[in-house]
Amino acid sequence: MQGKLQQVYRVSKELGQNSLLSGSFQLSKLARLCSLILSEEADLKVTFEFSTDVYQHPSIKGHLDTELLVECQRCLEPMVHPIDLDFHLLIDATEEDVQSFQIDTVYTDEGYLDVFEVIEDELILALPLISMHEDSTCNKNWQPDSDEEMVVEKVNPFSVLEALKSK
């Protein structure tokens, strides 16, 4: 079954229907993410499905596609950071399931899942720790350090004593 995107889903209902959901919306609906980026105007394309695996563990799998405008930390100019991300999360998994499958988990609120929150978490985790342009396109005046070390003449603090010793 294919459906339209909404913010909150009842997990048991969606699992029973093996729902494949897709849509797009403005990044402005994701407040935590908006505090980390320069522009909220981009569209986010989302596709995800609720399913159960062979072991009957409920999960959500999806794909996110957008371009985030972030600040380059080298030149402080805006730069586009493309996001093309697949995710797979277990729903309400036990600690044993998480350890044995090595898949992250998301927890519901009394059977309801806020997918915008899940999407926002995935986008925040996809942001680079330090955003920077490629060297060739960033800050035309910036030059990388040369391999040659600068020779600095060190002043010996005991040179005064050396002069006294020779007297």
N, C-alpha and C. Protein backbone atom coordinates (compact mmCIF):
# COMPACT_ATOMS: atom_id res chain seq x y z
N MET A 1 0.84 -1.19 0.00
CA MET A 1 0.00 0.00 0.00
C MET A 1 0.88 1.25 0.00
N GLN A 2 0.58 2.20 -0.84
CA GLN A 2 1.31 3.46 -0.90
C GLN A 2 0.42 4.55 -0.36
N GLY A 3 0.98 5.42 0.49
CA GLY A 3 0.18 6.47 1.08
C GLY A 3 0.92 7.78 1.14
N LYS A 4 0.20 8.82 1.61
CA LYS A 4 0.79 10.14 1.76
C LYS A 4 1.49 10.25 3.09
N LEU A 5 2.42 11.17 3.14
CA LEU A 5 3.23 11.38 4.33
C LEU A 5 2.46 12.19 5.38
N GLN A 6 2.47 11.70 6.61
CA GLN A 6 1.94 12.45 7.74
C GLN A 6 2.97 12.39 8.85
N GLN A 7 2.76 13.15 9.92
CA GLN A 7 3.78 13.25 10.96
C GLN A 7 3.78 12.07 11.93
N VAL A 8 2.62 11.64 12.37
CA VAL A 8 2.53 10.58 13.39
C VAL A 8 1.78 9.39 12.82
N TYR A 9 2.31 8.19 13.11
CA TYR A 9 1.69 6.95 12.63
C TYR A 9 1.47 6.00 13.80
N ARG A 10 0.38 5.25 13.72
CA ARG A 10 0.16 4.15 14.66
C ARG A 10 0.89 2.95 14.06
N VAL A 11 1.92 2.50 14.75
CA VAL A 11 2.84 1.49 14.22
C VAL A 11 2.13 0.18 13.93
N SER A 12 1.26 -0.29 14.83
CA SER A 12 0.61 -1.58 14.62
C SER A 12 -0.25 -1.58 13.35
N LYS A 13 -0.91 -0.47 13.08
CA LYS A 13 -1.74 -0.37 11.88
C LYS A 13 -0.86 -0.40 10.62
N GLU A 14 0.22 0.35 10.62
CA GLU A 14 1.10 0.43 9.45
C GLU A 14 1.83 -0.89 9.21
N LEU A 15 2.20 -1.59 10.29
CA LEU A 15 2.86 -2.89 10.13
C LEU A 15 1.92 -3.90 9.50
N GLY A 16 0.65 -3.85 9.88
CA GLY A 16 -0.34 -4.76 9.32
C GLY A 16 -0.57 -4.54 7.84
N GLN A 17 -0.33 -3.34 7.37
CA GLN A 17 -0.56 -3.00 5.97
C GLN A 17 0.72 -3.00 5.14
N ASN A 18 1.88 -3.22 5.79
CA ASN A 18 3.18 -3.11 5.10
C ASN A 18 3.23 -1.84 4.26
N SER A 19 2.97 -0.74 4.89
CA SER A 19 2.82 0.55 4.20
C SER A 19 4.13 1.08 3.63
N LEU A 20 4.08 1.52 2.39
CA LEU A 20 5.17 2.25 1.75
C LEU A 20 4.67 3.68 1.61
N LEU A 21 5.35 4.62 2.27
CA LEU A 21 4.89 6.00 2.31
C LEU A 21 5.95 6.91 1.71
N SER A 22 5.50 7.93 1.00
CA SER A 22 6.45 8.87 0.42
C SER A 22 5.82 10.24 0.32
N GLY A 23 6.69 11.23 0.24
CA GLY A 23 6.23 12.60 0.12
C GLY A 23 7.38 13.55 0.26
N SER A 24 7.05 14.82 0.30
CA SER A 24 8.08 15.83 0.51
C SER A 24 7.49 16.94 1.37
N PHE A 25 8.36 17.64 2.06
CA PHE A 25 7.94 18.77 2.87
C PHE A 25 9.12 19.70 3.08
N GLN A 26 8.83 20.90 3.58
CA GLN A 26 9.85 21.91 3.84
C GLN A 26 10.65 21.56 5.10
N LEU A 27 11.93 21.87 5.07
CA LEU A 27 12.78 21.63 6.23
C LEU A 27 12.36 22.48 7.43
N SER A 28 11.60 23.52 7.21
CA SER A 28 11.19 24.41 8.29
C SER A 28 10.36 23.69 9.36
N LYS A 29 9.83 22.52 9.05
CA LYS A 29 9.07 21.74 10.03
C LYS A 29 9.97 21.02 11.03
N LEU A 30 11.29 21.07 10.79
CA LEU A 30 12.24 20.37 11.65
C LEU A 30 13.06 21.40 12.43
N ALA A 31 12.55 21.83 13.58
CA ALA A 31 13.13 22.96 14.32
C ALA A 31 14.57 22.72 14.77
N ARG A 32 14.88 21.54 15.28
CA ARG A 32 16.25 21.28 15.75
C ARG A 32 17.24 21.34 14.60
N LEU A 33 16.87 20.79 13.46
CA LEU A 33 17.74 20.83 12.29
C LEU A 33 17.92 22.26 11.80
N CYS A 34 16.85 23.04 11.80
CA CYS A 34 16.91 24.42 11.30
C CYS A 34 17.87 25.28 12.11
N SER A 35 18.08 24.95 13.37
CA SER A 35 19.03 25.72 14.18
C SER A 35 20.48 25.43 13.77
N LEU A 36 20.71 24.39 12.97
CA LEU A 36 22.06 24.00 12.56
C LEU A 36 22.39 24.36 11.11
N ILE A 37 21.40 24.80 10.36
CA ILE A 37 21.62 25.10 8.94
C ILE A 37 21.29 26.57 8.66
N LEU A 38 21.68 27.05 7.48
CA LEU A 38 21.48 28.46 7.14
C LEU A 38 20.13 28.75 6.50
N SER A 39 19.55 27.78 5.79
CA SER A 39 18.29 28.02 5.09
C SER A 39 17.31 26.88 5.33
N GLU A 40 16.06 27.25 5.57
CA GLU A 40 15.00 26.28 5.81
C GLU A 40 14.15 26.07 4.56
N GLU A 41 14.55 26.64 3.45
CA GLU A 41 13.71 26.67 2.25
C GLU A 41 13.75 25.40 1.42
N ALA A 42 14.71 24.53 1.63
CA ALA A 42 14.85 23.35 0.78
C ALA A 42 13.72 22.35 1.03
N ASP A 43 13.41 21.58 0.00
CA ASP A 43 12.45 20.49 0.13
C ASP A 43 13.18 19.21 0.51
N LEU A 44 12.52 18.40 1.30
CA LEU A 44 13.05 17.11 1.71
C LEU A 44 12.16 16.04 1.10
N LYS A 45 12.74 15.14 0.32
CA LYS A 45 11.99 14.02 -0.26
C LYS A 45 12.21 12.81 0.64
N VAL A 46 11.10 12.19 1.03
CA VAL A 46 11.13 11.09 1.99
C VAL A 46 10.37 9.89 1.43
N THR A 47 10.96 8.72 1.59
CA THR A 47 10.27 7.46 1.30
C THR A 47 10.60 6.53 2.46
N PHE A 48 9.60 5.88 3.02
CA PHE A 48 9.87 4.90 4.07
C PHE A 48 8.76 3.88 4.14
N GLU A 49 9.07 2.77 4.79
CA GLU A 49 8.07 1.71 4.96
C GLU A 49 8.21 1.08 6.33
N PHE A 50 7.07 0.68 6.85
CA PHE A 50 7.03 -0.09 8.08
C PHE A 50 6.97 -1.55 7.66
N SER A 51 7.79 -2.39 8.28
CA SER A 51 7.78 -3.81 7.93
C SER A 51 8.26 -4.63 9.11
N THR A 52 8.08 -5.93 9.01
CA THR A 52 8.64 -6.86 10.00
C THR A 52 9.62 -7.76 9.27
N ASP A 53 10.70 -8.11 9.97
CA ASP A 53 11.70 -8.97 9.35
C ASP A 53 11.34 -10.44 9.57
N VAL A 54 12.24 -11.31 9.20
CA VAL A 54 12.02 -12.76 9.32
C VAL A 54 11.75 -13.18 10.76
N TYR A 55 12.36 -12.47 11.70
CA TYR A 55 12.21 -12.80 13.12
C TYR A 55 11.05 -12.06 13.77
N GLN A 56 10.20 -11.42 12.96
CA GLN A 56 9.03 -10.68 13.43
C GLN A 56 9.38 -9.43 14.24
N HIS A 57 10.53 -8.83 13.97
CA HIS A 57 10.89 -7.57 14.61
C HIS A 57 10.36 -6.43 13.75
N PRO A 58 9.56 -5.54 14.33
CA PRO A 58 9.08 -4.40 13.55
C PRO A 58 10.22 -3.42 13.27
N SER A 59 10.21 -2.86 12.07
CA SER A 59 11.26 -1.90 11.71
C SER A 59 10.71 -0.86 10.75
N ILE A 60 11.48 0.19 10.60
CA ILE A 60 11.18 1.24 9.63
C ILE A 60 12.43 1.42 8.77
N LYS A 61 12.23 1.35 7.46
CA LYS A 61 13.32 1.55 6.50
C LYS A 61 12.94 2.74 5.64
N GLY A 62 13.92 3.54 5.28
CA GLY A 62 13.58 4.70 4.48
C GLY A 62 14.74 5.30 3.74
N HIS A 63 14.41 6.32 2.96
CA HIS A 63 15.40 7.05 2.17
C HIS A 63 15.08 8.54 2.26
N LEU A 64 16.12 9.35 2.47
CA LEU A 64 15.99 10.80 2.55
C LEU A 64 16.85 11.44 1.47
N ASP A 65 16.32 12.47 0.82
CA ASP A 65 17.05 13.15 -0.24
C ASP A 65 16.79 14.65 -0.14
N THR A 66 17.85 15.42 0.08
CA THR A 66 17.73 16.88 0.17
C THR A 66 19.09 17.52 0.01
N GLU A 67 19.12 18.83 0.00
CA GLU A 67 20.36 19.60 0.01
C GLU A 67 20.26 20.62 1.13
N LEU A 68 21.21 20.55 2.07
CA LEU A 68 21.22 21.45 3.21
C LEU A 68 22.22 22.57 2.97
N LEU A 69 21.85 23.79 3.31
CA LEU A 69 22.75 24.93 3.20
C LEU A 69 23.39 25.15 4.56
N VAL A 70 24.71 24.92 4.63
CA VAL A 70 25.45 25.05 5.88
C VAL A 70 26.57 26.07 5.69
N GLU A 71 27.22 26.44 6.78
CA GLU A 71 28.30 27.42 6.72
C GLU A 71 29.64 26.72 6.69
N CYS A 72 30.46 27.06 5.69
CA CYS A 72 31.82 26.52 5.61
C CYS A 72 32.61 27.08 6.79
N GLN A 73 33.27 26.22 7.53
CA GLN A 73 34.01 26.66 8.71
C GLN A 73 35.38 27.23 8.37
N ARG A 74 35.79 27.13 7.12
CA ARG A 74 37.06 27.69 6.69
C ARG A 74 36.89 29.13 6.20
N CYS A 75 35.92 29.35 5.32
CA CYS A 75 35.75 30.69 4.73
C CYS A 75 34.50 31.41 5.24
N LEU A 76 33.66 30.72 6.00
CA LEU A 76 32.43 31.26 6.58
C LEU A 76 31.39 31.67 5.54
N GLU A 77 31.49 31.09 4.35
CA GLU A 77 30.52 31.32 3.28
C GLU A 77 29.53 30.15 3.25
N PRO A 78 28.32 30.37 2.72
CA PRO A 78 27.36 29.27 2.61
C PRO A 78 27.84 28.20 1.63
N MET A 79 27.50 26.97 1.91
CA MET A 79 27.81 25.87 1.00
C MET A 79 26.68 24.86 1.05
N VAL A 80 26.49 24.15 -0.04
CA VAL A 80 25.44 23.14 -0.13
C VAL A 80 26.02 21.79 0.27
N HIS A 81 25.33 21.12 1.18
CA HIS A 81 25.72 19.77 1.61
C HIS A 81 24.61 18.81 1.17
N PRO A 82 24.84 18.03 0.11
CA PRO A 82 23.80 17.11 -0.35
C PRO A 82 23.62 15.92 0.61
N ILE A 83 22.38 15.52 0.80
CA ILE A 83 22.05 14.36 1.63
C ILE A 83 21.30 13.36 0.76
N ASP A 84 21.82 12.16 0.68
CA ASP A 84 21.18 11.05 -0.03
C ASP A 84 21.38 9.85 0.88
N LEU A 85 20.42 9.58 1.74
CA LEU A 85 20.64 8.72 2.90
C LEU A 85 19.59 7.62 3.01
N ASP A 86 20.05 6.40 3.23
CA ASP A 86 19.16 5.28 3.56
C ASP A 86 19.27 5.02 5.06
N PHE A 87 18.16 4.67 5.69
CA PHE A 87 18.20 4.33 7.11
C PHE A 87 17.33 3.10 7.37
N HIS A 88 17.66 2.40 8.45
CA HIS A 88 16.93 1.21 8.88
C HIS A 88 16.97 1.19 10.40
N LEU A 89 15.81 1.24 11.03
CA LEU A 89 15.71 1.29 12.49
C LEU A 89 14.72 0.24 12.98
N LEU A 90 15.10 -0.46 14.05
CA LEU A 90 14.16 -1.36 14.72
C LEU A 90 13.21 -0.51 15.56
N ILE A 91 11.98 -0.96 15.69
CA ILE A 91 10.99 -0.24 16.48
C ILE A 91 10.78 -0.97 17.79
N ASP A 92 10.94 -0.23 18.89
CA ASP A 92 10.75 -0.77 20.25
C ASP A 92 11.52 -2.07 20.47
N ALA A 93 12.76 -2.12 20.04
CA ALA A 93 13.57 -3.33 20.17
C ALA A 93 14.09 -3.49 21.59
N THR A 94 14.30 -4.73 21.98
CA THR A 94 14.92 -5.00 23.27
C THR A 94 16.42 -4.79 23.15
N GLU A 95 17.09 -4.70 24.27
CA GLU A 95 18.54 -4.49 24.25
C GLU A 95 19.26 -5.66 23.58
N GLU A 96 18.75 -6.88 23.78
CA GLU A 96 19.35 -8.06 23.14
C GLU A 96 19.23 -7.98 21.62
N ASP A 97 18.07 -7.53 21.13
CA ASP A 97 17.87 -7.39 19.69
C ASP A 97 18.84 -6.37 19.10
N VAL A 98 19.00 -5.25 19.78
CA VAL A 98 19.89 -4.20 19.30
C VAL A 98 21.32 -4.72 19.21
N GLN A 99 21.76 -5.44 20.23
CA GLN A 99 23.13 -5.95 20.24
C GLN A 99 23.33 -7.05 19.20
N SER A 100 22.36 -7.92 19.02
CA SER A 100 22.54 -9.03 18.09
C SER A 100 22.42 -8.59 16.63
N PHE A 101 21.58 -7.60 16.34
CA PHE A 101 21.39 -7.18 14.95
C PHE A 101 22.25 -5.98 14.56
N GLN A 102 22.83 -5.30 15.52
CA GLN A 102 23.66 -4.12 15.26
C GLN A 102 22.91 -3.06 14.45
N ILE A 103 21.65 -2.87 14.77
CA ILE A 103 20.82 -1.86 14.11
C ILE A 103 20.30 -0.92 15.19
N ASP A 104 20.29 0.36 14.90
CA ASP A 104 19.76 1.34 15.85
C ASP A 104 18.27 1.12 16.04
N THR A 105 17.77 1.67 17.12
CA THR A 105 16.35 1.49 17.43
C THR A 105 15.67 2.83 17.68
N VAL A 106 14.38 2.84 17.51
CA VAL A 106 13.56 4.00 17.81
C VAL A 106 12.39 3.50 18.66
N TYR A 107 11.98 4.31 19.62
CA TYR A 107 10.92 3.89 20.53
C TYR A 107 9.65 4.70 20.27
N THR A 108 8.52 4.02 20.39
CA THR A 108 7.24 4.67 20.15
C THR A 108 6.71 5.28 21.44
N ASP A 109 5.75 6.15 21.29
CA ASP A 109 5.05 6.74 22.41
C ASP A 109 3.66 6.12 22.44
N GLU A 110 3.50 5.08 23.25
CA GLU A 110 2.24 4.34 23.37
C GLU A 110 1.75 3.84 22.02
N GLY A 111 2.68 3.33 21.21
CA GLY A 111 2.32 2.74 19.93
C GLY A 111 2.33 3.70 18.76
N TYR A 112 2.55 4.98 19.01
CA TYR A 112 2.59 5.99 17.96
C TYR A 112 4.03 6.43 17.72
N LEU A 113 4.37 6.63 16.45
CA LEU A 113 5.72 7.04 16.09
C LEU A 113 5.67 8.35 15.32
N ASP A 114 6.42 9.33 15.81
CA ASP A 114 6.56 10.62 15.13
C ASP A 114 7.70 10.49 14.12
N VAL A 115 7.35 10.28 12.85
CA VAL A 115 8.39 10.05 11.83
C VAL A 115 9.17 11.33 11.52
N PHE A 116 8.59 12.49 11.72
CA PHE A 116 9.35 13.73 11.50
C PHE A 116 10.53 13.80 12.47
N GLU A 117 10.31 13.34 13.69
CA GLU A 117 11.38 13.31 14.68
C GLU A 117 12.48 12.32 14.27
N VAL A 118 12.08 11.17 13.76
CA VAL A 118 13.03 10.17 13.28
C VAL A 118 13.83 10.73 12.10
N ILE A 119 13.13 11.36 11.17
CA ILE A 119 13.78 11.96 10.00
C ILE A 119 14.76 13.05 10.43
N GLU A 120 14.32 13.89 11.36
CA GLU A 120 15.18 14.97 11.85
C GLU A 120 16.44 14.41 12.51
N ASP A 121 16.30 13.37 13.31
CA ASP A 121 17.46 12.74 13.94
C ASP A 121 18.44 12.23 12.90
N GLU A 122 17.93 11.57 11.87
CA GLU A 122 18.80 11.02 10.82
C GLU A 122 19.52 12.13 10.06
N LEU A 123 18.84 13.23 9.78
CA LEU A 123 19.47 14.34 9.08
C LEU A 123 20.54 15.02 9.93
N ILE A 124 20.28 15.17 11.21
CA ILE A 124 21.28 15.77 12.10
C ILE A 124 22.52 14.88 12.17
N LEU A 125 22.31 13.57 12.25
CA LEU A 125 23.45 12.66 12.28
C LEU A 125 24.22 12.65 10.96
N ALA A 126 23.56 13.01 9.87
CA ALA A 126 24.22 13.02 8.56
C ALA A 126 25.03 14.30 8.31
N LEU A 127 24.85 15.31 9.15
CA LEU A 127 25.62 16.54 8.98
C LEU A 127 27.09 16.28 9.31
N PRO A 128 28.00 16.92 8.58
CA PRO A 128 29.42 16.75 8.91
C PRO A 128 29.74 17.48 10.22
N LEU A 129 30.75 16.98 10.93
CA LEU A 129 31.16 17.66 12.16
C LEU A 129 31.69 19.05 11.86
N ILE A 130 32.48 19.15 10.78
CA ILE A 130 33.03 20.44 10.35
C ILE A 130 32.75 20.57 8.86
N SER A 131 31.90 21.49 8.50
CA SER A 131 31.56 21.70 7.09
C SER A 131 32.64 22.55 6.42
N MET A 132 33.15 22.05 5.29
CA MET A 132 34.16 22.81 4.55
C MET A 132 34.03 22.55 3.06
N HIS A 133 34.26 23.61 2.26
CA HIS A 133 34.36 23.46 0.82
C HIS A 133 35.59 22.62 0.49
N GLU A 134 35.67 22.19 -0.76
CA GLU A 134 36.90 21.58 -1.24
C GLU A 134 37.98 22.66 -1.22
N ASP A 135 39.25 22.27 -1.06
CA ASP A 135 40.34 23.24 -1.00
C ASP A 135 40.36 24.19 -2.18
N SER A 136 40.08 23.69 -3.37
CA SER A 136 40.18 24.51 -4.57
C SER A 136 39.09 25.57 -4.68
N THR A 137 37.98 25.39 -3.99
CA THR A 137 36.87 26.33 -4.12
C THR A 137 36.70 27.22 -2.90
N CYS A 138 37.47 27.00 -1.89
CA CYS A 138 37.26 27.71 -0.63
C CYS A 138 38.33 28.77 -0.40
N ASN A 139 37.91 29.97 -0.09
CA ASN A 139 38.77 31.06 0.31
C ASN A 139 40.01 31.18 -0.57
N LYS A 140 39.88 31.92 -1.62
CA LYS A 140 40.96 32.05 -2.62
C LYS A 140 42.27 32.55 -2.01
N ASN A 141 42.22 33.28 -0.91
CA ASN A 141 43.44 33.79 -0.28
C ASN A 141 44.10 32.78 0.65
N TRP A 142 43.40 31.72 0.97
CA TRP A 142 43.93 30.72 1.89
C TRP A 142 44.97 29.87 1.18
N GLN A 143 46.08 29.63 1.85
CA GLN A 143 47.11 28.77 1.30
C GLN A 143 47.46 27.73 2.35
N PRO A 144 47.56 26.47 1.93
CA PRO A 144 47.92 25.44 2.91
C PRO A 144 49.36 25.65 3.38
N ASP A 145 49.66 25.16 4.58
CA ASP A 145 51.02 25.26 5.11
C ASP A 145 51.99 24.55 4.20
N SER A 146 53.16 25.15 4.03
CA SER A 146 54.19 24.50 3.21
C SER A 146 54.88 23.43 4.04
N ASP A 147 55.56 22.52 3.36
CA ASP A 147 56.25 21.45 4.05
C ASP A 147 57.53 21.93 4.72
N GLU A 148 58.06 23.06 4.24
CA GLU A 148 59.28 23.59 4.83
C GLU A 148 58.94 24.23 6.17
N GLU A 149 59.74 23.88 7.16
CA GLU A 149 59.53 24.47 8.47
C GLU A 149 60.29 25.79 8.54
N MET A 150 59.71 26.73 9.21
CA MET A 150 60.41 28.00 9.38
C MET A 150 61.50 27.81 10.42
N VAL A 151 62.69 28.32 10.09
CA VAL A 151 63.81 28.21 11.02
C VAL A 151 63.77 29.42 11.93
N VAL A 152 63.64 29.16 13.20
CA VAL A 152 63.58 30.22 14.19
C VAL A 152 64.80 30.08 15.07
N GLU A 153 65.54 31.16 15.19
CA GLU A 153 66.73 31.12 16.04
C GLU A 153 66.28 31.23 17.48
N LYS A 154 66.64 30.22 18.24
CA LYS A 154 66.24 30.20 19.64
C LYS A 154 67.27 30.96 20.47
N VAL A 155 66.78 31.73 21.37
CA VAL A 155 67.65 32.48 22.27
C VAL A 155 67.91 31.61 23.48
N ASN A 156 69.18 31.43 23.79
CA ASN A 156 69.56 30.62 24.94
C ASN A 156 69.43 31.47 26.20
N PRO A 157 68.60 31.09 27.14
CA PRO A 157 68.41 31.91 28.34
C PRO A 157 69.65 31.93 29.24
N PHE A 158 70.58 31.01 29.02
CA PHE A 158 71.78 30.95 29.85
C PHE A 158 72.97 31.65 29.20
N SER A 159 72.74 32.36 28.10
CA SER A 159 73.84 33.05 27.42
C SER A 159 74.46 34.12 28.30
N VAL A 160 73.69 34.74 29.18
CA VAL A 160 74.22 35.73 30.11
C VAL A 160 75.20 35.06 31.07
N LEU A 161 74.87 33.87 31.52
CA LEU A 161 75.77 33.14 32.42
C LEU A 161 77.06 32.76 31.71
N GLU A 162 76.97 32.45 30.45
CA GLU A 162 78.14 32.10 29.65
C GLU A 162 79.12 33.27 29.63
N ALA A 163 78.59 34.48 29.49
CA ALA A 163 79.44 35.67 29.46
C ALA A 163 80.10 35.89 30.81
N LEU A 164 79.39 35.66 31.91
CA LEU A 164 79.97 35.83 33.25
C LEU A 164 81.02 34.77 33.54
N LYS A 165 80.85 33.60 33.04
CA LYS A 165 81.77 32.49 33.28
C LYS A 165 83.14 32.77 32.65
N SER A 166 83.15 33.41 31.53
CA SER A 166 84.41 33.66 30.83
C SER A 166 85.21 34.79 31.47
N LYS A 167 84.68 35.53 32.39
CA LYS A 167 85.41 36.63 33.05
C LYS A 167 86.29 36.13 34.12
